Amino acid sequence: MDDIEKIAAIVTGSVKGKSRKDFFSAFDTAPEKKKEEFSKLKNAWACLSATKPMPEYQVENLYLNFKRQLAEKRKLPRMRTLSLLKYAAVFVFAVVLSAFFFYWQAGRTPTSTNKIYTTVVADNGQISKVILPDSSVVWLNSGTRITYDNGFAVDNREINLTGQAFFQVTKNKKIPLRVFSGNLEVKVLGTRFDIDAYPENKSVNVVLESGKIELLHTRDDRFRHELVAGEMAQCDMASQKVSLTKVSHKEFTSWKEGILIFRDEPMPSVIARLQRRYNITIEVRDPEVYRAVFTATIKNETLDEIFRSISYACSVRYKIIQADSLDAKIRVILNNR
């Protein structure tokens, strides 16, 4: 097996145990070219293991953007040919292209340990599914970022999270998975759970679907809470208070299937979730709009159908303004009736 094949096997998780440890033991003294190849292949694996279901209008934007970039480099083929490819090869290429430009960044970090970090990002309007080197699976909600280093699944399973992610964790008693968000640490062996840790939220919400997890504080050993299946922990990290409640996990994890569930949800939260999920801008012209609450299940509805439901349920008026350029976002204006 040559170097490239060996690196590819390490990155995709095909090599485990002692062989994997031996590879990383010799990594610090490896030639720079080998380290570069490892970094590139690891980034490509993170990119290609991600899936991102998108609304039709975003497919259209990606297609137009792809066509514009292609036109700058060479003369475009006949429009009819491109049209046939629009929702097939062009869409696949656009997804991969956007992943390379927006969904990961990695490189050597100038530290004494010479660690290599991989960052995977789901931009607003996207949901990504990522396969980690230990075969654990992570779904990233819109506007979410995770980071892990080259020691992942070798001497650690540590992930830094900003945003919301659902974890399906491969069991490893020797190396528990640790997810960090600010001062909160979630420690697990093998389980399925969701963490909602967007920076603008007042609390970090952790919902456990199966198994058992432990909540810890990175700076306070007295902070220790265990969750069992069907529980949600609302963690106020400023006051270090934790509230445990029994919940139906589907209400909090259905987003990974592209379904949004609102149950008497305050309008500020509804607006924030819709902006992230559909990559749109919502402008509230009347503060009274924020006093409303909204209940609905959204799956395949168009933006007009979504805001029509909000209009009926919350007695608000809406206006959708389409984007006038590829770089602009769709705007939705909300007013009280």
Protein backbone atom coordinates (compact mmCIF):
# COMPACT_ATOMS: atom_id res chain seq x y z
CA MET A 1 0.00 0.00 0.00
CA ASP A 2 1.54 3.33 -1.07
CA ASP A 3 1.40 6.54 1.02
CA ILE A 4 -1.71 7.96 -0.66
CA GLU A 5 -3.67 4.72 -0.22
CA LYS A 6 -2.56 4.45 3.42
CA ILE A 7 -3.55 8.07 4.15
CA ALA A 8 -6.93 7.54 2.44
CA ALA A 9 -7.53 4.42 4.53
CA ILE A 10 -6.72 6.33 7.73
CA VAL A 11 -8.97 9.26 6.81
CA THR A 12 -11.98 7.11 5.94
CA GLY A 13 -11.65 5.01 9.10
CA SER A 14 -10.73 1.78 7.29
CA VAL A 15 -7.55 1.42 9.39
CA LYS A 16 -8.12 0.98 13.11
CA GLY A 17 -6.32 -0.18 16.25
CA LYS A 18 -2.54 -0.47 16.38
CA SER A 19 -1.97 0.38 12.70
CA ARG A 20 -3.82 3.68 13.16
CA LYS A 21 -1.85 4.50 16.32
CA ASP A 22 1.44 3.68 14.57
CA PHE A 23 0.54 6.02 11.72
CA PHE A 24 -0.04 9.00 14.02
CA SER A 25 2.99 8.15 16.20
CA ALA A 26 5.20 8.70 13.18
CA PHE A 27 3.17 11.65 11.92
CA ASP A 28 5.20 14.44 13.61
CA THR A 29 8.39 13.40 11.83
CA ALA A 30 6.69 12.73 8.50
CA PRO A 31 7.63 14.82 5.43
CA GLU A 32 5.64 18.03 4.92
CA LYS A 33 4.23 16.69 1.65
CA LYS A 34 2.71 13.70 3.47
CA LYS A 35 1.14 16.00 6.08
CA GLU A 36 -0.30 18.17 3.30
CA GLU A 37 -1.80 15.14 1.57
CA PHE A 38 -3.34 13.98 4.85
CA SER A 39 -4.90 17.41 5.43
CA LYS A 40 -6.34 17.62 1.91
CA LEU A 41 -7.78 14.10 1.96
CA LYS A 42 -9.25 14.56 5.42
CA ASN A 43 -10.94 17.77 4.33
CA ALA A 44 -12.26 16.14 1.16
CA TRP A 45 -13.68 13.24 3.20
CA ALA A 46 -15.45 15.66 5.53
CA CYS A 47 -16.86 17.43 2.48
CA LEU A 48 -17.97 14.34 0.57
CA SER A 49 -19.53 12.67 3.59
CA ALA A 50 -21.90 15.61 3.98
CA THR A 51 -25.38 15.72 2.47
CA LYS A 52 -27.34 18.92 2.20
CA PRO A 53 -30.99 18.81 1.14
CA MET A 54 -31.95 22.22 -0.22
CA PRO A 55 -35.10 24.01 -1.27
CA GLU A 56 -35.64 24.37 -5.00
CA TYR A 57 -34.90 28.10 -5.06
CA GLN A 58 -31.44 27.42 -3.59
CA VAL A 59 -30.77 24.76 -6.24
CA GLU A 60 -31.68 27.44 -8.79
CA ASN A 61 -29.24 29.91 -7.24
CA LEU A 62 -26.43 27.36 -7.15
CA TYR A 63 -27.11 26.45 -10.76
CA LEU A 64 -27.02 30.09 -11.87
CA ASN A 65 -23.86 30.71 -9.89
CA PHE A 66 -22.20 27.65 -11.41
CA LYS A 67 -23.21 28.76 -14.90
CA ARG A 68 -21.81 32.24 -14.29
CA GLN A 69 -18.46 30.89 -13.05
CA LEU A 70 -18.24 28.50 -15.98
CA ALA A 71 -18.91 31.32 -18.44
CA GLU A 72 -15.94 33.28 -17.09
CA LYS A 73 -13.55 30.47 -17.95
CA ARG A 74 -14.86 29.25 -21.26
CA LYS A 75 -17.74 29.65 -23.66
CA LEU A 76 -20.91 28.00 -22.38
CA PRO A 77 -22.40 25.06 -24.31
CA ARG A 78 -25.91 25.34 -25.61
CA MET A 79 -28.50 26.25 -22.95
CA ARG A 80 -30.55 23.18 -23.77
CA THR A 81 -27.68 20.90 -22.76
CA LEU A 82 -27.18 22.72 -19.46
CA SER A 83 -30.89 22.65 -18.75
CA LEU A 84 -30.92 18.88 -18.97
CA LEU A 85 -28.08 18.75 -16.44
CA LYS A 86 -29.55 21.34 -14.12
CA TYR A 87 -31.02 19.02 -11.49
CA ALA A 88 -28.58 16.17 -12.09
CA ALA A 89 -24.83 16.56 -12.57
CA VAL A 90 -24.83 20.33 -12.20
CA PHE A 91 -26.65 20.11 -8.87
CA VAL A 92 -24.20 17.49 -7.57
CA PHE A 93 -21.24 19.61 -8.70
CA ALA A 94 -22.71 22.71 -7.09
CA VAL A 95 -23.20 20.89 -3.80
CA VAL A 96 -19.60 19.67 -3.79
CA LEU A 97 -18.31 23.05 -4.95
CA SER A 98 -20.16 24.91 -2.23
CA ALA A 99 -18.93 22.39 0.31
CA PHE A 100 -15.32 23.03 -0.65
CA PHE A 101 -15.70 26.80 -0.49
CA PHE A 102 -18.02 27.15 2.50
CA TYR A 103 -18.26 23.90 4.43
CA TRP A 104 -14.77 23.13 5.67
CA GLN A 105 -11.56 24.85 6.48
CA ALA A 106 -8.52 23.08 7.80
CA GLY A 107 -4.80 23.40 8.01
CA ARG A 108 -1.92 23.02 10.34
CA THR A 109 -2.26 25.05 13.49
CA PRO A 110 0.99 26.61 14.71
CA THR A 111 1.11 24.88 18.10
CA SER A 112 3.77 22.84 19.81
CA THR A 113 1.84 19.64 19.11
CA ASN A 114 1.49 20.46 15.41
CA LYS A 115 -2.16 19.39 15.40
CA ILE A 116 -4.27 19.49 12.26
CA TYR A 117 -7.85 20.69 12.71
CA THR A 118 -10.84 19.96 10.53
CA THR A 119 -13.85 22.28 10.60
CA VAL A 120 -17.17 21.37 8.98
CA VAL A 121 -19.81 24.07 8.57
CA ALA A 122 -23.47 23.90 7.55
CA ASP A 123 -24.27 27.35 6.20
CA ASN A 124 -27.66 29.02 6.69
CA GLY A 125 -30.23 27.26 4.51
CA GLN A 126 -28.42 23.92 4.65
CA ILE A 127 -28.46 20.73 6.71
CA SER A 128 -25.32 18.57 6.56
CA LYS A 129 -24.67 14.97 7.50
CA VAL A 130 -21.06 14.21 8.42
CA ILE A 131 -19.39 10.83 8.97
CA LEU A 132 -16.60 11.15 11.54
CA PRO A 133 -13.37 9.07 11.47
CA ASP A 134 -14.76 6.75 14.19
CA SER A 135 -17.89 6.11 12.06
CA SER A 136 -20.07 8.26 14.32
CA VAL A 137 -22.61 10.30 12.35
CA VAL A 138 -23.40 13.97 12.99
CA TRP A 139 -26.22 16.01 11.46
CA LEU A 140 -25.50 19.75 11.45
CA ASN A 141 -28.42 22.18 11.47
CA SER A 142 -28.26 25.44 9.53
CA GLY A 143 -25.63 27.88 10.79
CA THR A 144 -23.68 25.20 12.69
CA ARG A 145 -19.95 24.49 12.95
CA ILE A 146 -17.99 21.56 14.41
CA THR A 147 -14.21 21.23 14.80
CA TYR A 148 -12.03 18.23 15.67
CA ASP A 149 -8.31 17.44 15.40
CA ASN A 150 -6.20 14.73 13.76
CA GLY A 151 -6.11 12.75 17.01
CA PHE A 152 -9.85 12.10 16.81
CA ALA A 153 -10.61 8.38 17.32
CA VAL A 154 -6.90 7.77 18.12
CA ASP A 155 -6.28 9.39 21.50
CA ASN A 156 -9.41 11.53 21.84
CA ARG A 157 -12.93 12.01 20.53
CA GLU A 158 -13.32 15.72 21.25
CA ILE A 159 -15.55 18.02 19.20
CA ASN A 160 -16.16 21.75 19.55
CA LEU A 161 -19.68 22.78 18.57
CA THR A 162 -21.30 26.09 17.70
CA GLY A 163 -24.96 25.82 16.70
CA GLN A 164 -27.16 22.71 16.73
CA ALA A 165 -26.19 19.12 15.96
CA PHE A 166 -27.62 15.63 16.36
CA PHE A 167 -25.09 12.92 17.24
CA GLN A 168 -25.32 9.19 16.55
CA VAL A 169 -22.25 8.02 18.44
CA THR A 170 -20.29 4.83 17.85
CA LYS A 171 -19.60 3.16 21.20
CA ASN A 172 -16.01 3.18 22.47
CA LYS A 173 -15.59 2.55 26.20
CA LYS A 174 -11.90 3.47 26.16
CA ILE A 175 -12.38 6.83 24.45
CA PRO A 176 -15.68 8.55 25.31
CA LEU A 177 -16.98 11.23 22.95
CA ARG A 178 -16.80 14.74 24.43
CA VAL A 179 -18.70 17.63 22.87
CA PHE A 180 -17.76 21.13 24.02
CA SER A 181 -19.89 24.25 23.64
CA GLY A 182 -18.57 27.16 25.66
CA ASN A 183 -18.14 25.90 29.22
CA LEU A 184 -20.53 22.98 28.73
CA GLU A 185 -19.11 19.51 28.13
CA VAL A 186 -21.30 16.58 27.09
CA LYS A 187 -19.64 13.21 27.74
CA VAL A 188 -20.96 10.04 26.06
CA LEU A 189 -19.91 6.49 25.21
CA GLY A 190 -22.46 5.54 22.56
CA THR A 191 -25.87 7.11 22.15
CA ARG A 192 -28.13 9.44 20.14
CA PHE A 193 -28.64 13.00 21.33
CA ASP A 194 -29.18 16.59 20.19
CA ILE A 195 -27.40 19.77 21.34
CA ASP A 196 -28.88 23.19 20.59
CA ALA A 197 -26.15 25.69 21.39
CA TYR A 198 -26.58 28.67 19.08
CA PRO A 199 -24.64 31.64 20.53
CA GLU A 200 -27.71 33.91 20.61
CA ASN A 201 -29.66 31.51 22.85
CA LYS A 202 -29.82 32.13 26.60
CA SER A 203 -29.40 28.42 27.38
CA VAL A 204 -27.91 25.29 25.84
CA ASN A 205 -30.56 22.60 25.33
CA VAL A 206 -29.56 18.93 25.29
CA VAL A 207 -32.14 16.28 24.31
CA LEU A 208 -31.33 12.59 24.77
CA GLU A 209 -33.00 10.11 22.43
CA SER A 210 -31.31 6.92 23.66
CA GLY A 211 -28.52 5.82 25.99
CA LYS A 212 -27.10 7.99 28.77
CA ILE A 213 -25.02 11.17 28.77
CA GLU A 214 -23.29 13.28 31.39
CA LEU A 215 -23.22 17.08 31.49
CA LEU A 216 -20.07 18.68 32.91
CA HIS A 217 -18.62 22.18 33.34
CA THR A 218 -15.12 22.76 32.01
CA ARG A 219 -14.26 25.03 34.97
CA ASP A 220 -16.31 23.63 37.84
CA ASP A 221 -16.09 19.99 38.96
CA ARG A 222 -19.22 20.38 41.11
CA PHE A 223 -21.36 20.80 37.97
CA ARG A 224 -22.41 17.26 37.05
CA HIS A 225 -25.77 16.07 35.70
CA GLU A 226 -26.87 12.82 34.06
CA LEU A 227 -29.58 12.48 31.44
CA VAL A 228 -31.60 9.39 30.60
CA ALA A 229 -33.53 8.72 27.38
CA GLY A 230 -36.47 11.06 26.83
CA GLU A 231 -35.08 13.90 28.95
CA MET A 232 -34.13 17.44 27.96
CA ALA A 233 -31.69 19.56 29.93
CA GLN A 234 -31.90 23.35 29.68
CA CYS A 235 -28.52 24.60 30.83
CA ASP A 236 -28.01 28.23 31.83
CA MET A 237 -24.22 28.27 31.86
CA ALA A 238 -24.02 31.79 33.35
CA SER A 239 -25.86 30.77 36.51
CA GLN A 240 -24.90 27.07 36.17
CA LYS A 241 -28.56 26.09 36.62
CA VAL A 242 -29.93 23.02 34.87
CA SER A 243 -33.60 22.21 34.36
CA LEU A 244 -34.54 18.61 33.46
CA THR A 245 -37.86 17.78 31.80
CA LYS A 246 -39.42 14.79 30.02
CA VAL A 247 -39.98 15.50 26.32
CA SER A 248 -40.86 13.86 23.02
CA HIS A 249 -37.46 13.89 21.35
CA LYS A 250 -38.96 14.06 17.83
CA GLU A 251 -40.06 17.65 18.44
CA PHE A 252 -36.43 18.63 18.93
CA THR A 253 -34.64 16.35 16.45
CA SER A 254 -36.94 16.28 13.40
CA TRP A 255 -34.99 19.17 11.84
CA LYS A 256 -32.43 16.64 10.53
CA GLU A 257 -35.16 15.21 8.28
CA GLY A 258 -35.98 18.73 7.08
CA ILE A 259 -39.05 19.01 9.36
CA LEU A 260 -39.58 22.00 11.65
CA ILE A 261 -41.94 21.53 14.59
CA PHE A 262 -43.23 24.56 16.49
CA ARG A 263 -45.30 24.08 19.65
CA ASP A 264 -46.54 27.38 21.12
CA GLU A 265 -43.16 28.81 20.22
CA PRO A 266 -42.51 32.55 20.81
CA MET A 267 -42.22 34.52 17.59
CA PRO A 268 -38.58 35.64 18.19
CA SER A 269 -37.56 31.97 18.25
CA VAL A 270 -39.71 31.16 15.20
CA ILE A 271 -38.09 33.99 13.24
CA ALA A 272 -34.56 32.92 14.19
CA ARG A 273 -35.19 29.31 13.17
CA LEU A 274 -36.77 30.24 9.83
CA GLN A 275 -33.96 32.66 8.99
CA ARG A 276 -31.33 29.99 9.57
CA ARG A 277 -33.21 27.17 7.87
CA TYR A 278 -34.13 29.04 4.69
CA ASN A 279 -31.26 31.55 4.62
CA ILE A 280 -33.65 34.51 4.46
CA THR A 281 -33.92 37.87 6.20
CA ILE A 282 -37.07 38.59 8.22
CA GLU A 283 -37.80 42.22 9.08
CA VAL A 284 -40.31 42.96 11.84
CA ARG A 285 -41.86 46.40 11.33
CA ASP A 286 -44.16 46.26 14.38
CA PRO A 287 -42.94 45.08 17.84
CA GLU A 288 -46.42 43.60 18.48
CA VAL A 289 -45.45 40.75 16.14
CA TYR A 290 -43.02 39.49 18.78
CA ARG A 291 -45.87 38.92 21.26
CA ALA A 292 -47.36 36.10 19.15
CA VAL A 293 -46.75 32.36 19.54
CA PHE A 294 -46.86 29.85 16.69
CA THR A 295 -47.80 26.15 16.45
CA ALA A 296 -47.22 24.21 13.23
CA THR A 297 -45.31 21.39 11.56
CA ILE A 298 -43.42 22.45 8.43
CA LYS A 299 -42.09 19.88 6.00
CA ASN A 300 -42.26 20.64 2.27
CA GLU A 301 -44.17 23.93 2.33
CA THR A 302 -43.03 26.90 0.25
CA LEU A 303 -42.07 30.18 1.90
CA ASP A 304 -45.41 31.66 0.87
CA GLU A 305 -47.29 28.74 2.47
CA ILE A 306 -45.24 29.04 5.66
CA PHE A 307 -45.88 32.75 6.10
CA ARG A 308 -49.51 32.37 5.11
CA SER A 309 -49.86 29.96 8.06
CA ILE A 310 -48.13 32.44 10.34
CA SER A 311 -50.41 35.18 9.05
CA TYR A 312 -53.56 33.20 9.89
CA ALA A 313 -52.35 31.86 13.24
CA CYS A 314 -50.70 35.00 14.58
CA SER A 315 -52.77 37.78 12.92
CA VAL A 316 -49.82 39.34 11.12
CA ARG A 317 -49.34 40.61 7.58
CA TYR A 318 -46.37 39.52 5.48
CA LYS A 319 -44.68 40.50 2.25
CA ILE A 320 -42.03 38.38 0.50
CA ILE A 321 -39.45 40.30 -1.54
CA GLN A 322 -37.43 38.11 -3.89
CA ALA A 323 -33.66 38.52 -4.08
CA ASP A 324 -32.53 40.78 -6.91
CA SER A 325 -29.05 39.26 -7.20
CA LEU A 326 -27.25 36.01 -6.52
CA ASP A 327 -25.58 37.43 -3.42
CA ALA A 328 -28.75 38.89 -1.92
CA LYS A 329 -31.20 37.10 0.37
CA ILE A 330 -34.97 36.83 0.10
CA ARG A 331 -36.56 39.35 2.47
CA VAL A 332 -39.80 38.85 4.41
CA ILE A 333 -41.47 41.85 6.04
CA LEU A 334 -43.85 41.25 8.97
CA ASN A 335 -46.39 43.77 10.25
CA ASN A 336 -49.13 43.57 12.84
CA ARG A 337 -52.65 43.66 11.35
